[in-house]
């Protein structure tokens, strides 16, 4: 019995100590989480490398005497890059190969860089991929990048890998209204001459089929070009997606991400009007139009239903009006007859009064001679 009490007491003490330790650890962890930054509690936010990190290297076409700088930047400003390693494979012109790995140097919590090369032989091919680790040491591997070492001296050409690092794109207006054209302007950020550019689009009107196509840009100067998206592509409710491909004097392409905008307003009914003039390119002249068979038949059907209904309502209203007039005439005749009867009664009464007066006068007159005769006799 005594042994059971000792064991029970030991279990209680152990439980209390465990709870106290757990509470202390939880409290300390909470303090660390509150005192630390957001990078300390989150890692990569996306499954693909390109959605988490941006890679840039320059020059894109290095000479045998050029070192190559590779930079990686976290696309989420709150995500720390804990560590990054580049794996390099170098293939020399005669076919020999070498491999190796190097660690990136930190620039900030969200940016790191490394410098490789120079590779002294013209025609050397350098392929590399990157393994980056977030705060929680979760790895993220990039696709492979390849750089060709060229011997000629280049006086121009893109100096960065990404479109946004080479080209500034402007859309005016940013939120267009219906029937308003949009101007797309591109400009070289570092003054690199633009040899040419194309704009590609996908157009989806309300209730219509999707169209796609593209146009070449018009030149403003050596480093800037523009292209207008016509107002014909901007009916109410339409949606436009477009992207831009630009190339330098060495025909090196740089491609933008897709841009998208929608025209406000939704067309709920497309009135069936047909335009009368259309050229061979499919452009329509909407200055003249005529209604097509659909609207004519619709109007004829409405007329066939409306005319009999109108005639019926008209006759019904006329019958009610005639009935009302008849009742009013009868009521008037009744009132007139009542007045005539009243007048006759008044006349009869008046006539009766007059007869009584004449009778009395006659009686009095008859009495007077008798009186006079009596006076004479006396």
Protein backbone atom coordinates (compact mmCIF):
# COMPACT_ATOMS: atom_id res chain seq x y z
CA UNK A 1 0.00 0.00 0.00
CA UNK A 2 2.79 2.37 0.87
CA UNK A 3 4.57 1.52 -2.41
CA UNK A 4 1.39 2.36 -4.40
CA UNK A 5 1.19 5.79 -2.74
CA UNK A 6 4.84 6.48 -3.58
CA UNK A 7 4.32 5.47 -7.24
CA UNK A 8 1.14 7.56 -7.49
CA UNK A 9 2.91 10.56 -5.97
CA UNK A 10 5.78 10.16 -8.45
CA UNK A 11 3.36 10.03 -11.38
CA UNK A 12 1.63 13.23 -10.25
CA UNK A 13 4.96 15.04 -9.81
CA UNK A 14 6.11 13.87 -13.28
CA UNK A 15 2.87 15.07 -14.89
CA UNK A 16 3.11 18.50 -13.24
CA UNK A 17 6.75 18.89 -14.29
CA UNK A 18 5.95 17.87 -17.87
CA UNK A 19 3.14 20.40 -18.10
CA UNK A 20 5.36 23.15 -16.74
CA UNK A 21 8.15 22.30 -19.19
CA UNK A 22 5.74 22.20 -22.14
CA UNK A 23 4.27 25.54 -21.14
CA UNK A 24 7.76 27.06 -20.87
CA UNK A 25 8.75 25.75 -24.30
CA UNK A 26 5.53 26.98 -25.88
CA UNK A 27 5.99 30.38 -24.26
CA UNK A 28 9.57 30.60 -25.51
CA UNK A 29 8.51 29.55 -29.03
CA UNK A 30 5.77 32.17 -29.02
CA UNK A 31 8.22 34.84 -27.96
CA UNK A 32 10.65 33.83 -30.73
CA UNK A 33 7.85 33.87 -33.30
CA UNK A 34 6.61 37.28 -32.14
CA UNK A 35 10.08 38.79 -31.87
CA UNK A 36 11.28 37.33 -35.19
CA UNK A 37 10.39 38.46 -38.70
CA UNK A 38 7.88 36.93 -41.10
CA UNK A 39 10.67 35.14 -42.97
CA UNK A 40 11.22 33.01 -39.89
CA UNK A 41 7.85 31.31 -40.08
CA UNK A 42 7.18 30.80 -43.83
CA UNK A 43 9.00 29.28 -46.79
CA UNK A 44 8.43 28.85 -50.54
CA UNK A 45 4.88 29.80 -51.48
CA UNK A 46 4.71 28.05 -54.88
CA UNK A 47 5.54 24.67 -56.37
CA UNK A 48 7.59 25.97 -59.34
CA UNK A 49 10.99 27.60 -59.13
CA UNK A 50 10.03 30.38 -61.55
CA UNK A 51 7.09 31.40 -59.32
CA UNK A 52 9.36 31.78 -56.28
CA UNK A 53 12.65 33.09 -57.69
CA UNK A 54 13.79 35.22 -60.60
CA UNK A 55 17.12 34.37 -62.30
CA UNK A 56 19.16 36.89 -64.26
CA UNK A 57 22.63 36.63 -65.72
CA UNK A 58 24.78 38.99 -67.75
CA UNK A 59 26.20 39.31 -70.20
CA UNK A 60 23.92 36.97 -72.17
CA UNK A 61 26.56 36.54 -74.91
CA UNK A 62 29.89 36.86 -73.06
CA UNK A 63 33.26 37.09 -74.77
CA UNK A 64 36.16 34.85 -73.69
CA UNK A 65 37.36 37.64 -71.42
CA UNK A 66 34.02 38.29 -69.71
CA UNK A 67 33.03 37.00 -66.29
CA UNK A 68 29.38 35.99 -65.92
CA UNK A 69 27.31 37.34 -63.02
CA UNK A 70 24.30 35.25 -61.96
CA UNK A 71 21.71 36.83 -59.67
CA UNK A 72 18.69 35.24 -57.98
CA UNK A 73 15.91 37.30 -56.34
CA UNK A 74 12.94 36.16 -54.27
CA UNK A 75 9.71 37.19 -55.97
CA UNK A 76 7.97 37.30 -52.57
CA UNK A 77 9.52 40.17 -50.58
CA UNK A 78 8.97 38.35 -47.27
CA UNK A 79 10.63 35.05 -48.26
CA UNK A 80 14.26 34.69 -47.20
CA UNK A 81 16.75 32.80 -49.38
CA UNK A 82 18.65 30.81 -46.78
CA UNK A 83 21.27 29.39 -49.16
CA UNK A 84 21.85 28.82 -52.90
CA UNK A 85 24.25 26.60 -54.87
CA UNK A 86 24.94 26.64 -58.60
CA UNK A 87 25.93 23.41 -60.39
CA UNK A 88 27.96 24.15 -63.54
CA UNK A 89 28.78 22.00 -66.55
CA UNK A 90 31.33 23.41 -69.02
CA UNK A 91 31.73 21.84 -72.48
CA UNK A 92 34.84 23.04 -74.32
CA UNK A 93 35.08 23.39 -78.15
CA UNK A 94 37.00 20.12 -78.59
CA UNK A 95 34.39 18.16 -76.59
CA UNK A 96 36.03 17.89 -73.18
CA UNK A 97 33.87 18.65 -70.15
CA UNK A 98 34.21 19.79 -66.57
CA UNK A 99 31.66 20.11 -63.73
CA UNK A 100 31.59 21.83 -60.37
CA UNK A 101 29.44 23.55 -57.72
CA UNK A 102 29.75 26.93 -56.02
CA UNK A 103 27.77 28.78 -53.35
CA UNK A 104 26.06 32.13 -53.89
CA UNK A 105 27.01 35.23 -51.92
CA UNK A 106 24.31 37.12 -50.03
CA UNK A 107 23.28 40.63 -51.09
CA UNK A 108 20.17 40.83 -48.87
CA UNK A 109 17.62 38.53 -47.25
CA UNK A 110 15.90 38.10 -50.63
CA UNK A 111 18.77 38.41 -53.13
CA UNK A 112 22.02 36.49 -53.80
CA UNK A 113 24.61 36.47 -56.58
CA UNK A 114 27.66 34.65 -57.88
CA UNK A 115 30.32 35.33 -60.52
CA UNK A 116 31.63 32.53 -62.75
CA UNK A 117 34.20 32.51 -65.54
CA UNK A 118 35.69 33.93 -67.65
CA UNK A 119 35.93 30.97 -70.03
CA UNK A 120 38.79 31.72 -72.36
CA UNK A 121 37.96 29.51 -75.34
CA UNK A 122 35.66 30.80 -78.05
CA UNK A 123 32.73 28.38 -78.61
CA UNK A 124 32.65 27.10 -75.02
CA UNK A 125 29.16 26.15 -73.75
CA UNK A 126 28.31 26.76 -70.08
CA UNK A 127 25.19 25.07 -68.64
CA UNK A 128 24.09 25.61 -65.04
CA UNK A 129 21.14 25.09 -62.71
CA UNK A 130 20.50 26.44 -59.23
CA UNK A 131 19.41 24.83 -55.97
CA UNK A 132 17.98 27.43 -53.58
CA UNK A 133 16.82 26.85 -49.98
CA UNK A 134 14.24 28.80 -48.01
CA UNK A 135 14.32 29.62 -44.28
CA UNK A 136 13.20 26.08 -43.47
CA UNK A 137 15.94 24.59 -45.72
CA UNK A 138 13.40 23.34 -48.26
CA UNK A 139 15.20 23.04 -51.65
CA UNK A 140 13.91 24.48 -54.92
CA UNK A 141 15.69 23.57 -58.19
CA UNK A 142 15.72 25.77 -61.28
CA UNK A 143 15.59 24.67 -64.91
CA UNK A 144 18.91 24.48 -66.79
CA UNK A 145 20.36 27.63 -68.39
CA UNK A 146 22.93 27.60 -71.20
CA UNK A 147 25.38 30.35 -72.13
CA UNK A 148 27.50 30.30 -75.30
CA UNK A 149 30.89 31.98 -75.24
CA UNK A 150 31.33 34.04 -78.41
CA UNK A 151 34.45 35.61 -79.80
CA UNK A 152 33.13 38.66 -81.63
CA UNK A 153 32.89 42.02 -79.94
CA UNK A 154 29.23 43.06 -79.56
CA UNK A 155 28.43 46.73 -79.45
CA UNK A 156 24.73 46.22 -78.61
CA UNK A 157 22.20 43.57 -77.63
CA UNK A 158 20.23 42.64 -74.57
CA UNK A 159 22.22 42.74 -71.37
CA UNK A 160 19.67 40.87 -69.21
CA UNK A 161 17.76 37.62 -69.38
CA UNK A 162 14.23 38.84 -68.57
CA UNK A 163 11.95 41.08 -70.62
CA UNK A 164 11.22 43.49 -67.76
CA UNK A 165 14.95 44.04 -67.22
CA UNK A 166 15.45 45.00 -70.88
CA UNK A 167 12.18 46.63 -71.95
CA UNK A 168 9.76 49.11 -70.35
CA UNK A 169 6.19 48.51 -71.62
CA UNK A 170 3.44 51.14 -71.25
CA UNK A 171 -0.29 50.72 -71.97
CA UNK A 172 -2.36 53.89 -72.51
CA UNK A 173 -5.03 54.05 -71.20
CA UNK A 174 -4.53 51.43 -68.53
CA UNK A 175 -8.32 50.83 -68.22
CA UNK A 176 -9.91 51.61 -71.60
CA UNK A 177 -13.61 52.19 -72.15
CA UNK A 178 -15.76 50.83 -74.97
CA UNK A 179 -14.76 52.04 -78.47
CA UNK A 180 -11.53 53.57 -77.12
CA UNK A 181 -8.20 52.61 -78.79
CA UNK A 182 -5.22 51.43 -76.72
CA UNK A 183 -1.60 52.39 -77.42
CA UNK A 184 1.19 49.97 -76.46
CA UNK A 185 4.65 51.57 -76.21
CA UNK A 186 7.94 49.73 -75.65
CA UNK A 187 11.27 51.37 -74.79
CA UNK A 188 14.74 49.97 -74.20
CA UNK A 189 15.68 50.55 -70.56
CA UNK A 190 19.48 50.70 -71.07
CA UNK A 191 19.42 52.27 -74.52
CA UNK A 192 19.98 49.00 -76.41
CA UNK A 193 18.73 49.47 -80.00
CA UNK A 194 15.47 47.64 -80.79
CA UNK A 195 15.67 45.92 -84.15
CA UNK A 196 11.98 44.93 -84.27
CA UNK A 197 8.97 43.86 -82.23
CA UNK A 198 5.61 42.13 -82.64
CA UNK A 199 2.43 42.32 -80.58
CA UNK A 200 0.33 39.15 -80.36
CA UNK A 201 -3.25 39.15 -79.02
CA UNK A 202 -6.24 36.97 -78.11
CA UNK A 203 -9.60 38.75 -78.45
CA UNK A 204 -12.83 37.44 -76.88
CA UNK A 205 -16.04 39.46 -77.44
CA UNK A 206 -19.24 38.92 -75.47
CA UNK A 207 -21.23 36.10 -77.03
CA UNK A 208 -18.73 35.70 -79.89
CA UNK A 209 -15.89 33.40 -80.87
CA UNK A 210 -12.29 33.97 -79.78
CA UNK A 211 -9.92 35.50 -82.31
CA UNK A 212 -6.11 35.71 -82.28
CA UNK A 213 -3.49 37.45 -84.36
CA UNK A 214 -0.65 39.93 -84.23
CA UNK A 215 0.88 43.10 -85.66
CA UNK A 216 4.33 44.57 -86.06
CA UNK A 217 5.25 47.63 -84.00
CA UNK A 218 5.82 51.04 -85.60
CA UNK A 219 9.15 52.70 -84.91
CA UNK A 220 9.44 55.91 -82.89
CA UNK A 221 13.25 55.94 -82.72
CA UNK A 222 16.13 53.44 -82.36
CA UNK A 223 15.16 52.49 -78.81
CA UNK A 224 11.36 52.90 -78.78
CA UNK A 225 8.38 51.57 -80.75
CA UNK A 226 4.59 51.67 -80.50
CA UNK A 227 1.49 49.81 -81.68
CA UNK A 228 -2.21 50.71 -81.42
CA UNK A 229 -4.92 48.17 -80.62
CA UNK A 230 -7.88 49.42 -82.63
CA UNK A 231 -11.15 50.52 -81.02
CA UNK A 232 -12.88 47.86 -83.16
CA UNK A 233 -11.57 45.31 -80.64
CA UNK A 234 -13.15 47.16 -77.71
CA UNK A 235 -16.92 46.61 -77.66
CA UNK A 236 -18.54 46.58 -74.23
CA UNK A 237 -17.70 43.42 -72.30
CA UNK A 238 -14.81 42.29 -74.54
CA UNK A 239 -11.61 40.79 -73.12
CA UNK A 240 -8.10 41.29 -74.58
CA UNK A 241 -4.93 39.35 -73.74
CA UNK A 242 -1.64 40.30 -75.40
CA UNK A 243 2.10 39.78 -75.16
CA UNK A 244 5.11 41.32 -76.86
CA UNK A 245 8.20 39.79 -78.49
CA UNK A 246 11.19 42.11 -79.08
CA UNK A 247 14.54 41.35 -80.72
CA UNK A 248 17.85 43.17 -80.78
CA UNK A 249 20.26 43.65 -83.67
CA UNK A 250 21.60 40.10 -83.16
CA UNK A 251 18.06 38.66 -83.46
CA UNK A 252 18.07 37.68 -79.79
CA UNK A 253 14.44 37.51 -78.61
CA UNK A 254 13.00 38.70 -75.31
CA UNK A 255 9.36 37.93 -74.56
CA UNK A 256 6.99 39.61 -72.12
CA UNK A 257 4.51 37.97 -69.80
CA UNK A 258 0.85 38.08 -70.96
CA UNK A 259 -1.09 41.26 -70.19
CA UNK A 260 -4.87 41.33 -69.90
CA UNK A 261 -7.66 43.90 -69.72
CA UNK A 262 -11.45 43.90 -70.10
CA UNK A 263 -13.81 46.53 -71.46
CA UNK A 264 -16.47 47.58 -68.90
CA UNK A 265 -20.14 46.93 -69.62
CA UNK A 266 -21.91 43.81 -70.80
CA UNK A 267 -24.00 43.64 -73.95
CA UNK A 268 -27.09 41.65 -72.92
CA UNK A 269 -28.77 41.71 -76.35
CA UNK A 270 -27.14 42.00 -79.75
CA UNK A 271 -29.62 43.86 -81.93
CA UNK A 272 -29.81 42.14 -85.34
CA UNK A 273 -28.53 44.91 -87.56
CA UNK A 274 -26.44 44.09 -90.63
CA UNK A 275 -23.87 46.52 -91.94
CA UNK A 276 -24.01 47.27 -95.61
CA UNK A 277 -20.36 47.86 -96.50
CA UNK A 278 -17.52 45.38 -95.91
CA UNK A 279 -14.12 45.42 -97.60
CA UNK A 280 -11.99 42.43 -98.59
CA UNK A 281 -10.12 42.51 -95.27
CA UNK A 282 -13.34 42.09 -93.31
CA UNK A 283 -13.54 45.68 -92.06
CA UNK A 284 -17.12 46.92 -91.89
CA UNK A 285 -18.47 50.41 -92.42
CA UNK A 286 -21.10 50.94 -89.77
CA UNK A 287 -22.23 54.31 -91.11
CA UNK A 288 -25.16 52.61 -92.90
CA UNK A 289 -27.24 49.68 -91.85
CA UNK A 290 -30.56 47.99 -92.46
CA UNK A 291 -32.60 45.57 -90.33
CA UNK A 292 -32.27 41.93 -91.31
CA UNK A 293 -34.98 39.28 -91.70
CA UNK A 294 -35.05 38.43 -88.01
CA UNK A 295 -36.11 41.87 -86.84
CA UNK A 296 -38.58 42.32 -89.76
CA UNK A 297 -40.32 39.03 -88.98
CA UNK A 298 -40.37 39.93 -85.29
CA UNK A 299 -42.00 43.28 -86.00
CA UNK A 300 -44.54 41.63 -88.35
CA UNK A 301 -45.47 39.07 -85.69
CA UNK A 302 -45.93 41.80 -83.10
CA UNK A 303 -48.13 43.75 -85.55
CA UNK A 304 -50.31 40.68 -86.27
CA UNK A 305 -50.93 40.26 -82.56
CA UNK A 306 -51.28 43.94 -81.75
CA UNK A 307 -53.81 44.98 -84.43
CA UNK A 308 -56.62 42.53 -83.47
CA UNK A 309 -56.03 43.29 -79.83
CA UNK A 310 -56.21 47.01 -80.51
CA UNK A 311 -59.47 46.57 -82.53
CA UNK A 312 -61.04 44.51 -79.75
CA UNK A 313 -60.06 47.03 -77.08
CA UNK A 314 -61.35 49.89 -79.25
CA UNK A 315 -64.77 48.24 -79.81
CA UNK A 316 -65.04 47.34 -76.14
CA UNK A 317 -64.27 50.90 -75.12
CA UNK A 318 -66.80 52.23 -77.66
CA UNK A 319 -69.53 49.85 -76.36
CA UNK A 320 -68.87 50.95 -72.78
CA UNK A 321 -69.04 54.60 -73.84
CA UNK A 322 -72.37 54.08 -75.67
CA UNK A 323 -73.82 52.24 -72.68
CA UNK A 324 -72.73 55.05 -70.38
CA UNK A 325 -74.28 57.67 -72.67
CA UNK A 326 -77.58 55.68 -72.83
CA UNK A 327 -77.77 55.42 -69.05
CA UNK A 328 -77.07 59.14 -68.71
CA UNK A 329 -79.85 59.94 -71.26
CA UNK A 330 -82.36 57.75 -69.41
CA UNK A 331 -81.43 59.37 -66.11
CA UNK A 332 -81.92 62.79 -67.66
CA UNK A 333 -85.34 61.85 -69.07
CA UNK A 334 -86.36 60.52 -65.69
CA UNK A 335 -85.38 63.79 -64.02
CA UNK A 336 -87.25 65.81 -66.67
CA UNK A 337 -90.40 63.71 -66.22
CA UNK A 338 -90.17 64.19 -62.46
CA UNK A 339 -90.01 67.96 -62.94
CA UNK A 340 -93.02 67.94 -65.33
CA UNK A 341 -95.14 65.91 -62.89
CA UNK A 342 -94.29 68.31 -60.09
CA UNK A 343 -95.24 71.26 -62.23
CA UNK A 344 -98.62 69.71 -63.12
CA UNK A 345 -99.37 69.08 -59.47
CA UNK A 346 -98.55 72.68 -58.68
CA UNK A 347 -100.81 73.89 -61.47
CA UNK A 348 -103.66 71.66 -60.30
CA UNK A 349 -103.32 72.94 -56.75
CA UNK A 350 -103.22 76.47 -57.99
CA UNK A 351 -106.30 75.84 -60.12
CA UNK A 352 -108.17 74.39 -57.12
CA UNK A 353 -107.41 77.44 -55.07
CA UNK A 354 -108.69 79.70 -57.78
CA UNK A 355 -112.00 77.77 -58.05
CA UNK A 356 -112.60 78.07 -54.29
CA UNK A 357 -112.05 81.84 -54.44
CA UNK A 358 -114.51 82.31 -57.30
CA UNK A 359 -117.21 80.27 -55.50
CA UNK A 360 -116.84 82.37 -52.35
CA UNK A 361 -116.98 85.60 -54.29
CA UNK A 362 -120.07 84.45 -56.07
CA UNK A 363 -121.76 83.48 -52.78
CA UNK A 364 -120.99 86.89 -51.25
CA UNK A 365 -122.23 88.69 -54.26
CA UNK A 366 -125.50 86.81 -54.17
CA UNK A 367 -126.05 87.81 -50.58
CA UNK A 368 -125.65 91.56 -51.27
CA UNK A 369 -128.83 92.10 -53.39
CA UNK A 370 -130.98 90.47 -50.78
CA UNK A 371 -129.66 92.86 -48.16
CA UNK A 372 -130.29 95.82 -50.37
CA UNK A 373 -133.86 94.68 -51.10
CA UNK A 374 -134.57 94.33 -47.46
CA UNK A 375 -133.34 97.87 -46.92
CA UNK A 376 -135.66 99.15 -49.68
CA UNK A 377 -138.67 97.39 -48.24
CA UNK A 378 -138.07 99.02 -44.98
